[in-house]
Amino acid sequence: MLEYVTITKDPRTGLVVAIGGTDKAADILQRTGGFLCAVGPRGDYHRLPHGLPAEQQRLKATTASHALLAAGRPEHARHTGRRT
């Protein structure tokens, strides 16, 4: 399992996704950022709901990233800073 979480915008789907982390990181993503659990061809990941305006996507991704860092967990949150 990956020890870090990458939050970025998937160029193919246009969705903001979070990849990696532990169960604790997944809980933080869901509670603070509103991310949803999804299953992909390379394993589980999290994504923001479809149809969110760009500003809400940025706010939710940033909030989740800050919460991961504040939790003091061994996960390293990395937000790509890519504009959504």
PDB file of N, CA and C in Angstrom:
ATOM      1  N   MET A   1       0.847  -1.179   0.000  1.00  0.00           N
ATOM      2  CA  MET A   1       0.000   0.000   0.000  1.00  0.00           C
ATOM      3  C   MET A   1       0.889   1.238   0.000  1.00  0.00           C
ATOM      4  N   LEU A   2       0.485   2.244  -0.741  1.00  0.00           N
ATOM      5  CA  LEU A   2       1.258   3.472  -0.818  1.00  0.00           C
ATOM      6  C   LEU A   2       1.178   4.249   0.489  1.00  0.00           C
ATOM      7  N   GLU A   3       2.248   4.916   0.853  1.00  0.00           N
ATOM      8  CA  GLU A   3       2.285   5.690   2.086  1.00  0.00           C
ATOM      9  C   GLU A   3       1.902   7.143   1.865  1.00  0.00           C
ATOM     10  N   TYR A   4       1.662   7.561   0.672  1.00  0.00           N
ATOM     11  CA  TYR A   4       1.303   8.951   0.408  1.00  0.00           C
ATOM     12  C   TYR A   4       0.012   8.995  -0.393  1.00  0.00           C
ATOM     13  N   VAL A   5      -0.590  10.155  -0.388  1.00  0.00           N
ATOM     14  CA  VAL A   5      -1.822  10.384  -1.143  1.00  0.00           C
ATOM     15  C   VAL A   5      -1.540  11.459  -2.182  1.00  0.00           C
ATOM     16  N   THR A   6      -1.892  11.191  -3.406  1.00  0.00           N
ATOM     17  CA  THR A   6      -1.784  12.176  -4.476  1.00  0.00           C
ATOM     18  C   THR A   6      -3.187  12.607  -4.846  1.00  0.00           C
ATOM     19  N   ILE A   7      -3.438  13.913  -4.768  1.00  0.00           N
ATOM     20  CA  ILE A   7      -4.724  14.471  -5.171  1.00  0.00           C
ATOM     21  C   ILE A   7      -4.482  15.273  -6.440  1.00  0.00           C
ATOM     22  N   THR A   8      -5.183  14.905  -7.503  1.00  0.00           N
ATOM     23  CA  THR A   8      -4.962  15.553  -8.794  1.00  0.00           C
ATOM     24  C   THR A   8      -6.214  15.455  -9.652  1.00  0.00           C
ATOM     25  N   LYS A   9      -6.212  16.153 -10.747  1.00  0.00           N
ATOM     26  CA  LYS A   9      -7.315  16.071 -11.702  1.00  0.00           C
ATOM     27  C   LYS A   9      -6.919  15.095 -12.805  1.00  0.00           C
ATOM     28  N   ASP A  10      -7.751  14.076 -12.994  1.00  0.00           N
ATOM     29  CA  ASP A  10      -7.493  13.077 -14.026  1.00  0.00           C
ATOM     30  C   ASP A  10      -7.727  13.726 -15.392  1.00  0.00           C
ATOM     31  N   PRO A  11      -6.705  13.769 -16.244  1.00  0.00           N
ATOM     32  CA  PRO A  11      -6.861  14.432 -17.538  1.00  0.00           C
ATOM     33  C   PRO A  11      -7.851  13.730 -18.471  1.00  0.00           C
ATOM     34  N   ARG A  12      -8.031  12.432 -18.294  1.00  0.00           N
ATOM     35  CA  ARG A  12      -8.967  11.695 -19.164  1.00  0.00           C
ATOM     36  C   ARG A  12     -10.419  11.944 -18.792  1.00  0.00           C
ATOM     37  N   THR A  13     -10.713  11.910 -17.480  1.00  0.00           N
ATOM     38  CA  THR A  13     -12.105  12.011 -17.038  1.00  0.00           C
ATOM     39  C   THR A  13     -12.496  13.406 -16.576  1.00  0.00           C
ATOM     40  N   GLY A  14     -11.506  14.216 -16.214  1.00  0.00           N
ATOM     41  CA  GLY A  14     -11.789  15.539 -15.678  1.00  0.00           C
ATOM     42  C   GLY A  14     -12.176  15.520 -14.208  1.00  0.00           C
ATOM     43  N   LEU A  15     -12.137  14.342 -13.586  1.00  0.00           N
ATOM     44  CA  LEU A  15     -12.490  14.221 -12.175  1.00  0.00           C
ATOM     45  C   LEU A  15     -11.280  14.465 -11.281  1.00  0.00           C
ATOM     46  N   VAL A  16     -11.515  15.061 -10.120  1.00  0.00           N
ATOM     47  CA  VAL A  16     -10.462  15.186  -9.118  1.00  0.00           C
ATOM     48  C   VAL A  16     -10.413  13.868  -8.366  1.00  0.00           C
ATOM     49  N   VAL A  17      -9.234  13.237  -8.345  1.00  0.00           N
ATOM     50  CA  VAL A  17      -9.070  11.926  -7.732  1.00  0.00           C
ATOM     51  C   VAL A  17      -7.974  11.969  -6.677  1.00  0.00           C
ATOM     52  N   ALA A  18      -8.056  11.029  -5.733  1.00  0.00           N
ATOM     53  CA  ALA A  18      -7.027  10.844  -4.712  1.00  0.00           C
ATOM     54  C   ALA A  18      -6.590   9.395  -4.779  1.00  0.00           C
ATOM     55  N   ILE A  19      -5.291   9.186  -4.898  1.00  0.00           N
ATOM     56  CA  ILE A  19      -4.742   7.847  -5.066  1.00  0.00           C
ATOM     57  C   ILE A  19      -3.725   7.593  -3.961  1.00  0.00           C
ATOM     58  N   GLY A  20      -3.786   6.387  -3.380  1.00  0.00           N
ATOM     59  CA  GLY A  20      -2.820   6.005  -2.366  1.00  0.00           C
ATOM     60  C   GLY A  20      -3.346   6.203  -0.960  1.00  0.00           C
ATOM     61  N   GLY A  21      -2.473   5.966   0.010  1.00  0.00           N
ATOM     62  CA  GLY A  21      -2.819   6.165   1.407  1.00  0.00           C
ATOM     63  C   GLY A  21      -3.315   4.910   2.100  1.00  0.00           C
ATOM     64  N   THR A  22      -3.741   5.090   3.331  1.00  0.00           N
ATOM     65  CA  THR A  22      -4.220   4.006   4.174  1.00  0.00           C
ATOM     66  C   THR A  22      -5.722   4.160   4.401  1.00  0.00           C
ATOM     67  N   ASP A  23      -6.287   3.254   5.195  1.00  0.00           N
ATOM     68  CA  ASP A  23      -7.702   3.364   5.534  1.00  0.00           C
ATOM     69  C   ASP A  23      -7.987   4.664   6.287  1.00  0.00           C
ATOM     70  N   LYS A  24      -7.061   5.078   7.135  1.00  0.00           N
ATOM     71  CA  LYS A  24      -7.222   6.343   7.882  1.00  0.00           C
ATOM     72  C   LYS A  24      -7.243   7.520   6.910  1.00  0.00           C
ATOM     73  N   ALA A  25      -6.376   7.503   5.917  1.00  0.00           N
ATOM     74  CA  ALA A  25      -6.360   8.566   4.915  1.00  0.00           C
ATOM     75  C   ALA A  25      -7.670   8.581   4.137  1.00  0.00           C
ATOM     76  N   ALA A  26      -8.190   7.401   3.802  1.00  0.00           N
ATOM     77  CA  ALA A  26      -9.463   7.314   3.083  1.00  0.00           C
ATOM     78  C   ALA A  26     -10.585   7.931   3.910  1.00  0.00           C
ATOM     79  N   ASP A  27     -10.584   7.653   5.211  1.00  0.00           N
ATOM     80  CA  ASP A  27     -11.591   8.218   6.103  1.00  0.00           C
ATOM     81  C   ASP A  27     -11.515   9.743   6.106  1.00  0.00           C
ATOM     82  N   ILE A  28     -10.321  10.280   6.160  1.00  0.00           N
ATOM     83  CA  ILE A  28     -10.136  11.734   6.159  1.00  0.00           C
ATOM     84  C   ILE A  28     -10.607  12.326   4.832  1.00  0.00           C
ATOM     85  N   LEU A  29     -10.265  11.685   3.727  1.00  0.00           N
ATOM     86  CA  LEU A  29     -10.709  12.170   2.417  1.00  0.00           C
ATOM     87  C   LEU A  29     -12.232  12.221   2.338  1.00  0.00           C
ATOM     88  N   GLN A  30     -12.873  11.184   2.846  1.00  0.00           N
ATOM     89  CA  GLN A  30     -14.335  11.113   2.775  1.00  0.00           C
ATOM     90  C   GLN A  30     -14.985  12.128   3.704  1.00  0.00           C
ATOM     91  N   ARG A  31     -14.486  12.244   4.938  1.00  0.00           N
ATOM     92  CA  ARG A  31     -15.115  13.134   5.912  1.00  0.00           C
ATOM     93  C   ARG A  31     -14.862  14.611   5.627  1.00  0.00           C
ATOM     94  N   THR A  32     -13.642  14.959   5.271  1.00  0.00           N
ATOM     95  CA  THR A  32     -13.310  16.380   5.137  1.00  0.00           C
ATOM     96  C   THR A  32     -13.441  16.909   3.717  1.00  0.00           C
ATOM     97  N   GLY A  33     -13.256  16.049   2.729  1.00  0.00           N
ATOM     98  CA  GLY A  33     -13.284  16.528   1.351  1.00  0.00           C
ATOM     99  C   GLY A  33     -14.490  16.091   0.557  1.00  0.00           C
ATOM    100  N   GLY A  34     -15.277  15.187   1.113  1.00  0.00           N
ATOM    101  CA  GLY A  34     -16.440  14.702   0.377  1.00  0.00           C
ATOM    102  C   GLY A  34     -16.090  13.745  -0.749  1.00  0.00           C
ATOM    103  N   PHE A  35     -14.897  13.122  -0.668  1.00  0.00           N
ATOM    104  CA  PHE A  35     -14.488  12.172  -1.698  1.00  0.00           C
ATOM    105  C   PHE A  35     -15.309  10.894  -1.580  1.00  0.00           C
ATOM    106  N   LEU A  36     -15.526  10.239  -2.699  1.00  0.00           N
ATOM    107  CA  LEU A  36     -16.253   8.980  -2.764  1.00  0.00           C
ATOM    108  C   LEU A  36     -15.275   7.860  -3.096  1.00  0.00           C
ATOM    109  N   CYS A  37     -15.491   6.688  -2.530  1.00  0.00           N
ATOM    110  CA  CYS A  37     -14.665   5.524  -2.827  1.00  0.00           C
ATOM    111  C   CYS A  37     -15.057   4.988  -4.209  1.00  0.00           C
ATOM    112  N   ALA A  38     -14.073   4.608  -4.998  1.00  0.00           N
ATOM    113  CA  ALA A  38     -14.322   4.055  -6.334  1.00  0.00           C
ATOM    114  C   ALA A  38     -13.328   2.920  -6.589  1.00  0.00           C
ATOM    115  N   VAL A  39     -13.715   2.029  -7.473  1.00  0.00           N
ATOM    116  CA  VAL A  39     -12.851   0.912  -7.845  1.00  0.00           C
ATOM    117  C   VAL A  39     -12.398   1.126  -9.281  1.00  0.00           C
ATOM    118  N   GLY A  40     -11.094   1.053  -9.484  1.00  0.00           N
ATOM    119  CA  GLY A  40     -10.544   1.233 -10.823  1.00  0.00           C
ATOM    120  C   GLY A  40      -9.749   0.020 -11.248  1.00  0.00           C
ATOM    121  N   PRO A  41      -9.225   0.029 -12.455  1.00  0.00           N
ATOM    122  CA  PRO A  41      -8.468  -1.111 -12.968  1.00  0.00           C
ATOM    123  C   PRO A  41      -7.177  -1.375 -12.198  1.00  0.00           C
ATOM    124  N   ARG A  42      -6.660  -0.365 -11.513  1.00  0.00           N
ATOM    125  CA  ARG A  42      -5.420  -0.527 -10.736  1.00  0.00           C
ATOM    126  C   ARG A  42      -5.677  -0.550  -9.235  1.00  0.00           C
ATOM    127  N   GLY A  43      -6.937  -0.687  -8.841  1.00  0.00           N
ATOM    128  CA  GLY A  43      -7.257  -0.747  -7.420  1.00  0.00           C
ATOM    129  C   GLY A  43      -8.193   0.374  -6.997  1.00  0.00           C
ATOM    130  N   ASP A  44      -8.453   0.421  -5.706  1.00  0.00           N
ATOM    131  CA  ASP A  44      -9.359   1.428  -5.163  1.00  0.00           C
ATOM    132  C   ASP A  44      -8.719   2.814  -5.201  1.00  0.00           C
ATOM    133  N   TYR A  45      -9.566   3.803  -5.352  1.00  0.00           N
ATOM    134  CA  TYR A  45      -9.139   5.193  -5.293  1.00  0.00           C
ATOM    135  C   TYR A  45     -10.334   6.009  -4.808  1.00  0.00           C
ATOM    136  N   HIS A  46     -10.159   7.301  -4.641  1.00  0.00           N
ATOM    137  CA  HIS A  46     -11.243   8.183  -4.228  1.00  0.00           C
ATOM    138  C   HIS A  46     -11.391   9.282  -5.272  1.00  0.00           C
ATOM    139  N   ARG A  47     -12.613   9.768  -5.422  1.00  0.00           N
ATOM    140  CA  ARG A  47     -12.867  10.843  -6.381  1.00  0.00           C
ATOM    141  C   ARG A  47     -13.934  11.759  -5.820  1.00  0.00           C
ATOM    142  N   LEU A  48     -13.924  12.972  -6.309  1.00  0.00           N
ATOM    143  CA  LEU A  48     -14.994  13.906  -5.963  1.00  0.00           C
ATOM    144  C   LEU A  48     -16.221  13.575  -6.805  1.00  0.00           C
ATOM    145  N   PRO A  49     -17.417  13.916  -6.330  1.00  0.00           N
ATOM    146  CA  PRO A  49     -18.632  13.636  -7.099  1.00  0.00           C
ATOM    147  C   PRO A  49     -18.628  14.361  -8.449  1.00  0.00           C
ATOM    148  N   HIS A  50     -19.319  13.788  -9.406  1.00  0.00           N
ATOM    149  CA  HIS A  50     -19.476  14.402 -10.721  1.00  0.00           C
ATOM    150  C   HIS A  50     -20.245  15.716 -10.598  1.00  0.00           C
ATOM    151  N   GLY A  51     -19.962  16.647 -11.474  1.00  0.00           N
ATOM    152  CA  GLY A  51     -20.760  17.857 -11.601  1.00  0.00           C
ATOM    153  C   GLY A  51     -20.456  18.985 -10.640  1.00  0.00           C
ATOM    154  N   LEU A  52     -19.398  18.864  -9.834  1.00  0.00           N
ATOM    155  CA  LEU A  52     -19.057  19.961  -8.938  1.00  0.00           C
ATOM    156  C   LEU A  52     -18.423  21.099  -9.731  1.00  0.00           C
ATOM    157  N   PRO A  53     -18.790  22.346  -9.427  1.00  0.00           N
ATOM    158  CA  PRO A  53     -18.108  23.471 -10.075  1.00  0.00           C
ATOM    159  C   PRO A  53     -16.612  23.462  -9.734  1.00  0.00           C
ATOM    160  N   ALA A  54     -15.817  24.046 -10.596  1.00  0.00           N
ATOM    161  CA  ALA A  54     -14.360  24.042 -10.434  1.00  0.00           C
ATOM    162  C   ALA A  54     -13.936  24.611  -9.087  1.00  0.00           C
ATOM    163  N   GLU A  55     -14.574  25.671  -8.633  1.00  0.00           N
ATOM    164  CA  GLU A  55     -14.195  26.284  -7.352  1.00  0.00           C
ATOM    165  C   GLU A  55     -14.449  25.317  -6.191  1.00  0.00           C
ATOM    166  N   GLN A  56     -15.548  24.585  -6.227  1.00  0.00           N
ATOM    167  CA  GLN A  56     -15.832  23.601  -5.182  1.00  0.00           C
ATOM    168  C   GLN A  56     -14.832  22.454  -5.233  1.00  0.00           C
ATOM    169  N   GLN A  57     -14.438  22.049  -6.419  1.00  0.00           N
ATOM    170  CA  GLN A  57     -13.431  20.994  -6.550  1.00  0.00           C
ATOM    171  C   GLN A  57     -12.131  21.431  -5.882  1.00  0.00           C
ATOM    172  N   ARG A  58     -11.699  22.656  -6.178  1.00  0.00           N
ATOM    173  CA  ARG A  58     -10.463  23.175  -5.582  1.00  0.00           C
ATOM    174  C   ARG A  58     -10.573  23.240  -4.063  1.00  0.00           C
ATOM    175  N   LEU A  59     -11.695  23.746  -3.568  1.00  0.00           N
ATOM    176  CA  LEU A  59     -11.887  23.890  -2.130  1.00  0.00           C
ATOM    177  C   LEU A  59     -11.876  22.533  -1.432  1.00  0.00           C
ATOM    178  N   LYS A  60     -12.590  21.559  -1.969  1.00  0.00           N
ATOM    179  CA  LYS A  60     -12.658  20.237  -1.350  1.00  0.00           C
ATOM    180  C   LYS A  60     -11.307  19.527  -1.387  1.00  0.00           C
ATOM    181  N   ALA A  61     -10.588  19.622  -2.496  1.00  0.00           N
ATOM    182  CA  ALA A  61      -9.271  18.990  -2.604  1.00  0.00           C
ATOM    183  C   ALA A  61      -8.279  19.633  -1.645  1.00  0.00           C
ATOM    184  N   THR A  62      -8.308  20.945  -1.540  1.00  0.00           N
ATOM    185  CA  THR A  62      -7.400  21.646  -0.641  1.00  0.00           C
ATOM    186  C   THR A  62      -7.731  21.343   0.818  1.00  0.00           C
ATOM    187  N   THR A  63      -9.017  21.318   1.147  1.00  0.00           N
ATOM    188  CA  THR A  63      -9.438  21.001   2.514  1.00  0.00           C
ATOM    189  C   THR A  63      -8.979  19.597   2.903  1.00  0.00           C
ATOM    190  N   ALA A  64      -9.163  18.628   2.013  1.00  0.00           N
ATOM    191  CA  ALA A  64      -8.745  17.255   2.292  1.00  0.00           C
ATOM    192  C   ALA A  64      -7.231  17.169   2.457  1.00  0.00           C
ATOM    193  N   SER A  65      -6.493  17.853   1.614  1.00  0.00           N
ATOM    194  CA  SER A  65      -5.034  17.843   1.685  1.00  0.00           C
ATOM    195  C   SER A  65      -4.559  18.411   3.021  1.00  0.00           C
ATOM    196  N   HIS A  66      -5.140  19.515   3.443  1.00  0.00           N
ATOM    197  CA  HIS A  66      -4.757  20.136   4.716  1.00  0.00           C
ATOM    198  C   HIS A  66      -5.115  19.223   5.893  1.00  0.00           C
ATOM    199  N   ALA A  67      -6.278  18.559   5.819  1.00  0.00           N
ATOM    200  CA  ALA A  67      -6.693  17.654   6.890  1.00  0.00           C
ATOM    201  C   ALA A  67      -5.743  16.468   7.006  1.00  0.00           C
ATOM    202  N   LEU A  68      -5.268  15.946   5.875  1.00  0.00           N
ATOM    203  CA  LEU A  68      -4.304  14.844   5.911  1.00  0.00           C
ATOM    204  C   LEU A  68      -3.011  15.271   6.590  1.00  0.00           C
ATOM    205  N   LEU A  69      -2.559  16.459   6.249  1.00  0.00           N
ATOM    206  CA  LEU A  69      -1.330  16.965   6.861  1.00  0.00           C
ATOM    207  C   LEU A  69      -1.524  17.228   8.350  1.00  0.00           C
ATOM    208  N   ALA A  70      -2.664  17.774   8.725  1.00  0.00           N
ATOM    209  CA  ALA A  70      -2.934  18.106  10.123  1.00  0.00           C
ATOM    210  C   ALA A  70      -3.145  16.868  10.987  1.00  0.00           C
ATOM    211  N   ALA A  71      -3.529  15.767  10.380  1.00  0.00           N
ATOM    212  CA  ALA A  71      -3.810  14.550  11.142  1.00  0.00           C
ATOM    213  C   ALA A  71      -2.550  13.944  11.751  1.00  0.00           C
ATOM    214  N   GLY A  72      -1.397  14.358  11.234  1.00  0.00           N
ATOM    215  CA  GLY A  72      -0.151  13.847  11.780  1.00  0.00           C
ATOM    216  C   GLY A  72       0.073  12.378  11.490  1.00  0.00           C
ATOM    217  N   ARG A  73      -0.530  11.881  10.428  1.00  0.00           N
ATOM    218  CA  ARG A  73      -0.381  10.483  10.048  1.00  0.00           C
ATOM    219  C   ARG A  73       0.897  10.319   9.227  1.00  0.00           C
ATOM    220  N   PRO A  74       1.379   9.083   9.076  1.00  0.00           N
ATOM    221  CA  PRO A  74       2.568   8.880   8.252  1.00  0.00           C
ATOM    222  C   PRO A  74       2.333   9.131   6.771  1.00  0.00           C
ATOM    223  N   GLU A  75       1.065   9.263   6.366  1.00  0.00           N
ATOM    224  CA  GLU A  75       0.796   9.560   4.963  1.00  0.00           C
ATOM    225  C   GLU A  75       1.346  10.947   4.633  1.00  0.00           C
ATOM    226  N   HIS A  76       1.843  11.080   3.469  1.00  0.00           N
ATOM    227  CA  HIS A  76       2.299  12.378   2.995  1.00  0.00           C
ATOM    228  C   HIS A  76       1.297  12.837   1.946  1.00  0.00           C
ATOM    229  N   ALA A  77       0.591  13.908   2.226  1.00  0.00           N
ATOM    230  CA  ALA A  77      -0.398  14.426   1.279  1.00  0.00           C
ATOM    231  C   ALA A  77       0.319  15.287   0.256  1.00  0.00           C
ATOM    232  N   ARG A  78       0.029  15.047  -0.989  1.00  0.00           N
ATOM    233  CA  ARG A  78       0.641  15.832  -2.048  1.00  0.00           C
ATOM    234  C   ARG A  78      -0.464  16.278  -2.989  1.00  0.00           C
ATOM    235  N   HIS A  79      -0.693  17.562  -3.032  1.00  0.00           N
ATOM    236  CA  HIS A  79      -1.688  18.135  -3.938  1.00  0.00           C
ATOM    237  C   HIS A  79      -0.888  18.643  -5.130  1.00  0.00           C
ATOM    238  N   THR A  80      -1.274  18.252  -6.321  1.00  0.00           N
ATOM    239  CA  THR A  80      -0.485  18.604  -7.492  1.00  0.00           C
ATOM    240  C   THR A  80      -0.557  20.076  -7.825  1.00  0.00           C
ATOM    241  N   GLY A  81      -1.552  20.780  -7.284  1.00  0.00           N
ATOM    242  CA  GLY A  81      -1.682  22.196  -7.575  1.00  0.00           C
ATOM    243  C   GLY A  81      -2.214  22.472  -8.960  1.00  0.00           C
ATOM    244  N   ARG A  82      -2.607  21.424  -9.651  1.00  0.00           N
ATOM    245  CA  ARG A  82      -3.155  21.583 -10.987  1.00  0.00           C
ATOM    246  C   ARG A  82      -4.500  22.274 -10.917  1.00  0.00           C
ATOM    247  N   ARG A  83      -4.720  23.238 -11.740  1.00  0.00           N
ATOM    248  CA  ARG A  83      -6.007  23.930 -11.748  1.00  0.00           C
ATOM    249  C   ARG A  83      -7.078  23.007 -12.270  1.00  0.00           C
ATOM    250  N   THR A  84      -8.234  23.016 -11.592  1.00  0.00           N
ATOM    251  CA  THR A  84      -9.349  22.173 -12.018  1.00  0.00           C
ATOM    252  C   THR A  84     -10.334  22.963 -12.849  1.00  0.00           C
TER     253      THR A  84
END
